[in-house]
């Protein structure tokens, strides 16, 4: 579940960062609520303000919320990832 959440948030951060920036996972906050059943789906989102910051700031960080659900529609884990970015060298 943690890998799914990290991958989902990393993807959304990566596609919104300019090519001259490097995304870095800074922190993962996970609270396991119950056991998952079947296939899992993750959905992450960024606000317009977060995207604008990522497009303009040389370096910084954003908190990315992600919702992970299982085949029964239950959210077995509550997640929030902190992603940072720095200039590529």
PDB file of N, CA and C in Angstrom:
ATOM      1  N   UNK A   1       0.828  -1.183   0.000  1.00  0.00           N
ATOM      2  CA  UNK A   1       0.000   0.000   0.000  1.00  0.00           C
ATOM      3  C   UNK A   1       0.875   1.251   0.000  1.00  0.00           C
ATOM      4  N   UNK A   2       1.951   1.219   0.777  1.00  0.00           N
ATOM      5  CA  UNK A   2       2.849   2.368   0.836  1.00  0.00           C
ATOM      6  C   UNK A   2       3.507   2.619  -0.517  1.00  0.00           C
ATOM      7  N   UNK A   3       3.926   1.550  -1.182  1.00  0.00           N
ATOM      8  CA  UNK A   3       4.557   1.701  -2.494  1.00  0.00           C
ATOM      9  C   UNK A   3       3.571   2.255  -3.520  1.00  0.00           C
ATOM     10  N   UNK A   4       2.337   1.783  -3.484  1.00  0.00           N
ATOM     11  CA  UNK A   4       1.310   2.293  -4.389  1.00  0.00           C
ATOM     12  C   UNK A   4       1.085   3.784  -4.165  1.00  0.00           C
ATOM     13  N   UNK A   5       0.967   4.188  -2.902  1.00  0.00           N
ATOM     14  CA  UNK A   5       0.744   5.596  -2.570  1.00  0.00           C
ATOM     15  C   UNK A   5       1.941   6.452  -2.988  1.00  0.00           C
ATOM     16  N   UNK A   6       3.155   5.968  -2.714  1.00  0.00           N
ATOM     17  CA  UNK A   6       4.356   6.727  -3.086  1.00  0.00           C
ATOM     18  C   UNK A   6       4.464   6.865  -4.605  1.00  0.00           C
ATOM     19  N   UNK A   7       4.204   5.788  -5.324  1.00  0.00           N
ATOM     20  CA  UNK A   7       4.284   5.820  -6.787  1.00  0.00           C
ATOM     21  C   UNK A   7       3.268   6.787  -7.379  1.00  0.00           C
ATOM     22  N   UNK A   8       2.052   6.752  -6.868  1.00  0.00           N
ATOM     23  CA  UNK A   8       0.986   7.615  -7.361  1.00  0.00           C
ATOM     24  C   UNK A   8       1.322   9.091  -7.140  1.00  0.00           C
ATOM     25  N   UNK A   9       1.767   9.421  -5.932  1.00  0.00           N
ATOM     26  CA  UNK A   9       2.095  10.820  -5.642  1.00  0.00           C
ATOM     27  C   UNK A   9       3.351  11.248  -6.389  1.00  0.00           C
ATOM     28  N   UNK A  10       4.320  10.349  -6.509  1.00  0.00           N
ATOM     29  CA  UNK A  10       5.538  10.674  -7.257  1.00  0.00           C
ATOM     30  C   UNK A  10       5.249  10.954  -8.715  1.00  0.00           C
ATOM     31  N   UNK A  11       4.308  10.213  -9.283  1.00  0.00           N
ATOM     32  CA  UNK A  11       3.936  10.430 -10.684  1.00  0.00           C
ATOM     33  C   UNK A  11       3.325  11.810 -10.879  1.00  0.00           C
ATOM     34  N   UNK A  12       2.391  12.191 -10.004  1.00  0.00           N
ATOM     35  CA  UNK A  12       1.727  13.485 -10.186  1.00  0.00           C
ATOM     36  C   UNK A  12       2.697  14.644  -9.949  1.00  0.00           C
ATOM     37  N   UNK A  13       3.616  14.463  -9.006  1.00  0.00           N
ATOM     38  CA  UNK A  13       4.637  15.498  -8.788  1.00  0.00           C
ATOM     39  C   UNK A  13       5.550  15.569 -10.013  1.00  0.00           C
ATOM     40  N   UNK A  14       6.008  14.416 -10.478  1.00  0.00           N
ATOM     41  CA  UNK A  14       6.933  14.375 -11.614  1.00  0.00           C
ATOM     42  C   UNK A  14       6.390  14.991 -12.888  1.00  0.00           C
ATOM     43  N   UNK A  15       5.108  14.763 -13.185  1.00  0.00           N
ATOM     44  CA  UNK A  15       4.566  15.311 -14.434  1.00  0.00           C
ATOM     45  C   UNK A  15       4.292  16.810 -14.333  1.00  0.00           C
ATOM     46  N   UNK A  16       4.252  17.348 -13.116  1.00  0.00           N
ATOM     47  CA  UNK A  16       3.998  18.777 -12.956  1.00  0.00           C
ATOM     48  C   UNK A  16       5.252  19.601 -12.701  1.00  0.00           C
ATOM     49  N   UNK A  17       6.396  18.946 -12.543  1.00  0.00           N
ATOM     50  CA  UNK A  17       7.651  19.671 -12.356  1.00  0.00           C
ATOM     51  C   UNK A  17       8.297  19.961 -13.701  1.00  0.00           C
ATOM     52  N   UNK A  18       8.911  21.128 -13.853  1.00  0.00           N
ATOM     53  CA  UNK A  18       9.677  21.386 -15.071  1.00  0.00           C
ATOM     54  C   UNK A  18      10.841  20.393 -15.186  1.00  0.00           C
ATOM     55  N   UNK A  19      11.324  20.189 -16.381  1.00  0.00           N
ATOM     56  CA  UNK A  19      12.382  19.220 -16.644  1.00  0.00           C
ATOM     57  C   UNK A  19      13.706  19.508 -15.969  1.00  0.00           C
ATOM     58  N   UNK A  20      13.905  20.742 -15.517  1.00  0.00           N
ATOM     59  CA  UNK A  20      15.178  21.080 -14.866  1.00  0.00           C
ATOM     60  C   UNK A  20      15.139  20.898 -13.352  1.00  0.00           C
ATOM     61  N   UNK A  21      14.072  20.269 -12.835  1.00  0.00           N
ATOM     62  CA  UNK A  21      13.919  20.027 -11.397  1.00  0.00           C
ATOM     63  C   UNK A  21      13.929  18.515 -11.120  1.00  0.00           C
ATOM     64  N   UNK A  22      14.418  18.151  -9.930  1.00  0.00           N
ATOM     65  CA  UNK A  22      14.508  16.760  -9.511  1.00  0.00           C
ATOM     66  C   UNK A  22      13.563  16.533  -8.330  1.00  0.00           C
ATOM     67  N   UNK A  23      12.555  15.630  -8.461  1.00  0.00           N
ATOM     68  CA  UNK A  23      11.645  15.362  -7.340  1.00  0.00           C
ATOM     69  C   UNK A  23      12.299  14.416  -6.329  1.00  0.00           C
ATOM     70  N   UNK A  24      12.050  14.678  -5.043  1.00  0.00           N
ATOM     71  CA  UNK A  24      12.599  13.853  -3.964  1.00  0.00           C
ATOM     72  C   UNK A  24      11.514  13.606  -2.922  1.00  0.00           C
ATOM     73  N   UNK A  25      11.323  12.343  -2.542  1.00  0.00           N
ATOM     74  CA  UNK A  25      10.377  12.066  -1.456  1.00  0.00           C
ATOM     75  C   UNK A  25      11.050  12.492  -0.151  1.00  0.00           C
ATOM     76  N   UNK A  26      10.328  13.259   0.641  1.00  0.00           N
ATOM     77  CA  UNK A  26      10.886  13.776   1.889  1.00  0.00           C
ATOM     78  C   UNK A  26      10.291  13.060   3.105  1.00  0.00           C
ATOM     79  N   UNK A  27       8.986  12.785   3.050  1.00  0.00           N
ATOM     80  CA  UNK A  27       8.340  12.133   4.190  1.00  0.00           C
ATOM     81  C   UNK A  27       7.102  11.371   3.711  1.00  0.00           C
ATOM     82  N   UNK A  28       6.854  10.242   4.374  1.00  0.00           N
ATOM     83  CA  UNK A  28       5.653   9.449   4.117  1.00  0.00           C
ATOM     84  C   UNK A  28       4.923   9.286   5.447  1.00  0.00           C
ATOM     85  N   UNK A  29       3.683   9.751   5.522  1.00  0.00           N
ATOM     86  CA  UNK A  29       2.859   9.561   6.707  1.00  0.00           C
ATOM     87  C   UNK A  29       1.771   8.547   6.362  1.00  0.00           C
ATOM     88  N   UNK A  30       1.815   7.399   7.030  1.00  0.00           N
ATOM     89  CA  UNK A  30       0.880   6.320   6.745  1.00  0.00           C
ATOM     90  C   UNK A  30       0.222   5.864   8.040  1.00  0.00           C
ATOM     91  N   UNK A  31      -1.078   5.731   7.982  1.00  0.00           N
ATOM     92  CA  UNK A  31      -1.835   5.196   9.116  1.00  0.00           C
ATOM     93  C   UNK A  31      -2.670   4.044   8.572  1.00  0.00           C
ATOM     94  N   UNK A  32      -2.263   2.823   8.928  1.00  0.00           N
ATOM     95  CA  UNK A  32      -2.969   1.638   8.445  1.00  0.00           C
ATOM     96  C   UNK A  32      -4.244   1.442   9.262  1.00  0.00           C
ATOM     97  N   UNK A  33      -5.384   1.436   8.568  1.00  0.00           N
ATOM     98  CA  UNK A  33      -6.688   1.364   9.218  1.00  0.00           C
ATOM     99  C   UNK A  33      -7.205  -0.069   9.281  1.00  0.00           C
ATOM    100  N   UNK A  34      -7.106  -0.788   8.173  1.00  0.00           N
ATOM    101  CA  UNK A  34      -7.567  -2.179   8.138  1.00  0.00           C
ATOM    102  C   UNK A  34      -6.897  -2.916   7.002  1.00  0.00           C
ATOM    103  N   UNK A  35      -7.072  -4.201   6.967  1.00  0.00           N
ATOM    104  CA  UNK A  35      -6.488  -5.035   5.920  1.00  0.00           C
ATOM    105  C   UNK A  35      -7.203  -4.795   4.595  1.00  0.00           C
ATOM    106  N   UNK A  36      -6.435  -4.706   3.517  1.00  0.00           N
ATOM    107  CA  UNK A  36      -7.009  -4.496   2.186  1.00  0.00           C
ATOM    108  C   UNK A  36      -7.548  -5.804   1.627  1.00  0.00           C
ATOM    109  N   UNK A  37      -8.580  -5.691   0.776  1.00  0.00           N
ATOM    110  CA  UNK A  37      -9.176  -6.837   0.116  1.00  0.00           C
ATOM    111  C   UNK A  37      -9.142  -6.605  -1.392  1.00  0.00           C
ATOM    112  N   UNK A  38      -8.502  -7.509  -2.124  1.00  0.00           N
ATOM    113  CA  UNK A  38      -8.495  -7.430  -3.584  1.00  0.00           C
ATOM    114  C   UNK A  38      -7.601  -6.334  -4.131  1.00  0.00           C
ATOM    115  N   UNK A  39      -7.907  -5.928  -5.362  1.00  0.00           N
ATOM    116  CA  UNK A  39      -7.116  -4.911  -6.047  1.00  0.00           C
ATOM    117  C   UNK A  39      -7.221  -3.566  -5.334  1.00  0.00           C
ATOM    118  N   UNK A  40      -6.163  -2.783  -5.440  1.00  0.00           N
ATOM    119  CA  UNK A  40      -6.158  -1.453  -4.832  1.00  0.00           C
ATOM    120  C   UNK A  40      -5.976  -0.385  -5.905  1.00  0.00           C
ATOM    121  N   UNK A  41      -6.530   0.782  -5.641  1.00  0.00           N
ATOM    122  CA  UNK A  41      -6.437   1.935  -6.524  1.00  0.00           C
ATOM    123  C   UNK A  41      -5.982   3.130  -5.700  1.00  0.00           C
ATOM    124  N   UNK A  42      -5.102   3.951  -6.294  1.00  0.00           N
ATOM    125  CA  UNK A  42      -4.643   5.166  -5.622  1.00  0.00           C
ATOM    126  C   UNK A  42      -4.941   6.368  -6.504  1.00  0.00           C
ATOM    127  N   UNK A  43      -5.402   7.457  -5.872  1.00  0.00           N
ATOM    128  CA  UNK A  43      -5.688   8.704  -6.577  1.00  0.00           C
ATOM    129  C   UNK A  43      -5.047   9.838  -5.784  1.00  0.00           C
ATOM    130  N   UNK A  44      -4.146  10.568  -6.428  1.00  0.00           N
ATOM    131  CA  UNK A  44      -3.477  11.711  -5.802  1.00  0.00           C
ATOM    132  C   UNK A  44      -3.871  12.972  -6.557  1.00  0.00           C
ATOM    133  N   UNK A  45      -3.824  14.103  -5.857  1.00  0.00           N
ATOM    134  CA  UNK A  45      -4.162  15.359  -6.518  1.00  0.00           C
ATOM    135  C   UNK A  45      -3.339  16.490  -5.940  1.00  0.00           C
ATOM    136  N   UNK A  46      -3.156  17.515  -6.760  1.00  0.00           N
ATOM    137  CA  UNK A  46      -2.478  18.748  -6.373  1.00  0.00           C
ATOM    138  C   UNK A  46      -3.428  19.909  -6.615  1.00  0.00           C
ATOM    139  N   UNK A  47      -3.304  20.943  -5.811  1.00  0.00           N
ATOM    140  CA  UNK A  47      -4.107  22.136  -6.044  1.00  0.00           C
ATOM    141  C   UNK A  47      -3.455  22.973  -7.144  1.00  0.00           C
ATOM    142  N   UNK A  48      -4.206  23.912  -7.694  1.00  0.00           N
ATOM    143  CA  UNK A  48      -3.639  24.822  -8.697  1.00  0.00           C
ATOM    144  C   UNK A  48      -2.484  25.625  -8.109  1.00  0.00           C
ATOM    145  N   UNK A  49      -2.590  25.987  -6.828  1.00  0.00           N
ATOM    146  CA  UNK A  49      -1.534  26.748  -6.164  1.00  0.00           C
ATOM    147  C   UNK A  49      -0.263  25.913  -6.037  1.00  0.00           C
ATOM    148  N   UNK A  50      -0.405  24.637  -5.711  1.00  0.00           N
ATOM    149  CA  UNK A  50       0.762  23.763  -5.606  1.00  0.00           C
ATOM    150  C   UNK A  50       1.445  23.608  -6.961  1.00  0.00           C
ATOM    151  N   UNK A  51       0.656  23.436  -8.004  1.00  0.00           N
ATOM    152  CA  UNK A  51       1.227  23.292  -9.347  1.00  0.00           C
ATOM    153  C   UNK A  51       1.953  24.568  -9.752  1.00  0.00           C
ATOM    154  N   UNK A  52       1.364  25.719  -9.482  1.00  0.00           N
ATOM    155  CA  UNK A  52       2.014  26.997  -9.817  1.00  0.00           C
ATOM    156  C   UNK A  52       3.331  27.139  -9.068  1.00  0.00           C
ATOM    157  N   UNK A  53       3.359  26.761  -7.786  1.00  0.00           N
ATOM    158  CA  UNK A  53       4.584  26.831  -7.003  1.00  0.00           C
ATOM    159  C   UNK A  53       5.655  25.924  -7.596  1.00  0.00           C
ATOM    160  N   UNK A  54       5.263  24.727  -7.978  1.00  0.00           N
ATOM    161  CA  UNK A  54       6.217  23.780  -8.564  1.00  0.00           C
ATOM    162  C   UNK A  54       6.771  24.281  -9.887  1.00  0.00           C
ATOM    163  N   UNK A  55       5.964  25.014 -10.624  1.00  0.00           N
ATOM    164  CA  UNK A  55       6.389  25.534 -11.920  1.00  0.00           C
ATOM    165  C   UNK A  55       7.336  26.734 -11.794  1.00  0.00           C
ATOM    166  N   UNK A  56       7.237  27.469 -10.692  1.00  0.00           N
ATOM    167  CA  UNK A  56       7.983  28.731 -10.590  1.00  0.00           C
ATOM    168  C   UNK A  56       9.117  28.734  -9.569  1.00  0.00           C
ATOM    169  N   UNK A  57       8.996  27.986  -8.476  1.00  0.00           N
ATOM    170  CA  UNK A  57      10.015  28.026  -7.429  1.00  0.00           C
ATOM    171  C   UNK A  57      11.209  27.144  -7.793  1.00  0.00           C
ATOM    172  N   UNK A  58      12.400  27.649  -7.526  1.00  0.00           N
ATOM    173  CA  UNK A  58      13.610  26.882  -7.826  1.00  0.00           C
ATOM    174  C   UNK A  58      13.665  25.601  -7.010  1.00  0.00           C
ATOM    175  N   UNK A  59      13.286  25.693  -5.726  1.00  0.00           N
ATOM    176  CA  UNK A  59      13.184  24.512  -4.886  1.00  0.00           C
ATOM    177  C   UNK A  59      12.072  24.733  -3.874  1.00  0.00           C
ATOM    178  N   UNK A  60      11.558  23.655  -3.329  1.00  0.00           N
ATOM    179  CA  UNK A  60      10.464  23.756  -2.374  1.00  0.00           C
ATOM    180  C   UNK A  60       9.914  22.389  -2.051  1.00  0.00           C
ATOM    181  N   UNK A  61       8.732  22.375  -1.432  1.00  0.00           N
ATOM    182  CA  UNK A  61       8.088  21.118  -1.097  1.00  0.00           C
ATOM    183  C   UNK A  61       6.571  21.286  -1.086  1.00  0.00           C
ATOM    184  N   UNK A  62       5.874  20.181  -1.313  1.00  0.00           N
ATOM    185  CA  UNK A  62       4.409  20.160  -1.273  1.00  0.00           C
ATOM    186  C   UNK A  62       3.944  18.917  -0.538  1.00  0.00           C
ATOM    187  N   UNK A  63       2.811  19.050   0.119  1.00  0.00           N
ATOM    188  CA  UNK A  63       2.148  17.934   0.772  1.00  0.00           C
ATOM    189  C   UNK A  63       1.121  17.381  -0.212  1.00  0.00           C
ATOM    190  N   UNK A  64       1.271  16.115  -0.558  1.00  0.00           N
ATOM    191  CA  UNK A  64       0.387  15.500  -1.551  1.00  0.00           C
ATOM    192  C   UNK A  64      -0.482  14.459  -0.852  1.00  0.00           C
ATOM    193  N   UNK A  65      -1.770  14.705  -0.863  1.00  0.00           N
ATOM    194  CA  UNK A  65      -2.708  13.737  -0.292  1.00  0.00           C
ATOM    195  C   UNK A  65      -3.015  12.687  -1.356  1.00  0.00           C
ATOM    196  N   UNK A  66      -3.201  11.480  -0.889  1.00  0.00           N
ATOM    197  CA  UNK A  66      -3.510  10.380  -1.798  1.00  0.00           C
ATOM    198  C   UNK A  66      -4.547   9.494  -1.117  1.00  0.00           C
ATOM    199  N   UNK A  67      -5.515   9.056  -1.901  1.00  0.00           N
ATOM    200  CA  UNK A  67      -6.551   8.168  -1.390  1.00  0.00           C
ATOM    201  C   UNK A  67      -6.334   6.783  -1.993  1.00  0.00           C
ATOM    202  N   UNK A  68      -6.124   5.813  -1.134  1.00  0.00           N
ATOM    203  CA  UNK A  68      -5.957   4.422  -1.560  1.00  0.00           C
ATOM    204  C   UNK A  68      -7.208   3.665  -1.152  1.00  0.00           C
ATOM    205  N   UNK A  69      -7.835   3.004  -2.126  1.00  0.00           N
ATOM    206  CA  UNK A  69      -9.031   2.202  -1.841  1.00  0.00           C
ATOM    207  C   UNK A  69      -8.804   0.774  -2.327  1.00  0.00           C
ATOM    208  N   UNK A  70      -9.504  -0.170  -1.685  1.00  0.00           N
ATOM    209  CA  UNK A  70      -9.403  -1.563  -2.113  1.00  0.00           C
ATOM    210  C   UNK A  70     -10.614  -1.934  -2.967  1.00  0.00           C
ATOM    211  N   UNK A  71     -10.719  -3.203  -3.308  1.00  0.00           N
ATOM    212  CA  UNK A  71     -11.783  -3.669  -4.205  1.00  0.00           C
ATOM    213  C   UNK A  71     -13.179  -3.478  -3.615  1.00  0.00           C
ATOM    214  N   UNK A  72     -13.276  -3.378  -2.291  1.00  0.00           N
ATOM    215  CA  UNK A  72     -14.583  -3.195  -1.659  1.00  0.00           C
ATOM    216  C   UNK A  72     -14.932  -1.724  -1.464  1.00  0.00           C
ATOM    217  N   UNK A  73     -14.025  -0.822  -1.884  1.00  0.00           N
ATOM    218  CA  UNK A  73     -14.274   0.606  -1.729  1.00  0.00           C
ATOM    219  C   UNK A  73     -13.828   1.162  -0.393  1.00  0.00           C
ATOM    220  N   UNK A  74     -13.226   0.330   0.442  1.00  0.00           N
ATOM    221  CA  UNK A  74     -12.720   0.750   1.749  1.00  0.00           C
ATOM    222  C   UNK A  74     -11.350   1.405   1.580  1.00  0.00           C
ATOM    223  N   UNK A  75     -11.076   2.405   2.413  1.00  0.00           N
ATOM    224  CA  UNK A  75      -9.755   3.048   2.415  1.00  0.00           C
ATOM    225  C   UNK A  75      -8.933   2.419   3.555  1.00  0.00           C
ATOM    226  N   UNK A  76      -8.104   1.395   3.229  1.00  0.00           N
ATOM    227  CA  UNK A  76      -7.400   0.663   4.286  1.00  0.00           C
ATOM    228  C   UNK A  76      -6.214   1.407   4.895  1.00  0.00           C
ATOM    229  N   UNK A  77      -5.787   2.480   4.263  1.00  0.00           N
ATOM    230  CA  UNK A  77      -4.649   3.253   4.762  1.00  0.00           C
ATOM    231  C   UNK A  77      -4.912   4.733   4.489  1.00  0.00           C
ATOM    232  N   UNK A  78      -4.562   5.569   5.440  1.00  0.00           N
ATOM    233  CA  UNK A  78      -4.632   7.020   5.252  1.00  0.00           C
ATOM    234  C   UNK A  78      -3.208   7.501   5.009  1.00  0.00           C
ATOM    235  N   UNK A  79      -3.005   8.229   3.911  1.00  0.00           N
ATOM    236  CA  UNK A  79      -1.646   8.592   3.494  1.00  0.00           C
ATOM    237  C   UNK A  79      -1.520  10.075   3.183  1.00  0.00           C
ATOM    238  N   UNK A  80      -0.329  10.581   3.446  1.00  0.00           N
ATOM    239  CA  UNK A  80       0.064  11.908   2.991  1.00  0.00           C
ATOM    240  C   UNK A  80       1.565  11.859   2.736  1.00  0.00           C
ATOM    241  N   UNK A  81       1.973  12.326   1.589  1.00  0.00           N
ATOM    242  CA  UNK A  81       3.385  12.311   1.212  1.00  0.00           C
ATOM    243  C   UNK A  81       3.886  13.745   1.079  1.00  0.00           C
ATOM    244  N   UNK A  82       5.089  13.981   1.556  1.00  0.00           N
ATOM    245  CA  UNK A  82       5.739  15.272   1.374  1.00  0.00           C
ATOM    246  C   UNK A  82       6.803  15.080   0.307  1.00  0.00           C
ATOM    247  N   UNK A  83       6.637  15.803  -0.792  1.00  0.00           N
ATOM    248  CA  UNK A  83       7.600  15.759  -1.900  1.00  0.00           C
ATOM    249  C   UNK A  83       8.308  17.102  -1.982  1.00  0.00           C
ATOM    250  N   UNK A  84       9.602  17.043  -2.206  1.00  0.00           N
ATOM    251  CA  UNK A  84      10.415  18.244  -2.389  1.00  0.00           C
ATOM    252  C   UNK A  84      10.972  18.235  -3.811  1.00  0.00           C
ATOM    253  N   UNK A  85      11.501  19.361  -4.229  1.00  0.00           N
ATOM    254  CA  UNK A  85      12.192  19.417  -5.506  1.00  0.00           C
ATOM    255  C   UNK A  85      13.389  20.359  -5.381  1.00  0.00           C
ATOM    256  N   UNK A  86      14.399  20.035  -6.171  1.00  0.00           N
ATOM    257  CA  UNK A  86      15.632  20.826  -6.223  1.00  0.00           C
ATOM    258  C   UNK A  86      16.050  20.930  -7.694  1.00  0.00           C
ATOM    259  N   UNK A  87      16.887  21.911  -8.008  1.00  0.00           N
ATOM    260  CA  UNK A  87      17.375  21.994  -9.394  1.00  0.00           C
ATOM    261  C   UNK A  87      18.257  20.783  -9.733  1.00  0.00           C
ATOM    262  N   UNK A  88      18.165  20.313 -10.972  1.00  0.00           N
ATOM    263  CA  UNK A  88      19.080  19.267 -11.438  1.00  0.00           C
ATOM    264  C   UNK A  88      20.454  19.896 -11.626  1.00  0.00           C
ATOM    265  N   UNK A  89      21.478  19.112 -11.373  1.00  0.00           N
ATOM    266  CA  UNK A  89      22.844  19.642 -11.555  1.00  0.00           C
ATOM    267  C   UNK A  89      23.538  18.941 -12.680  1.00  0.00           C
TER     268      UNK A  89
END
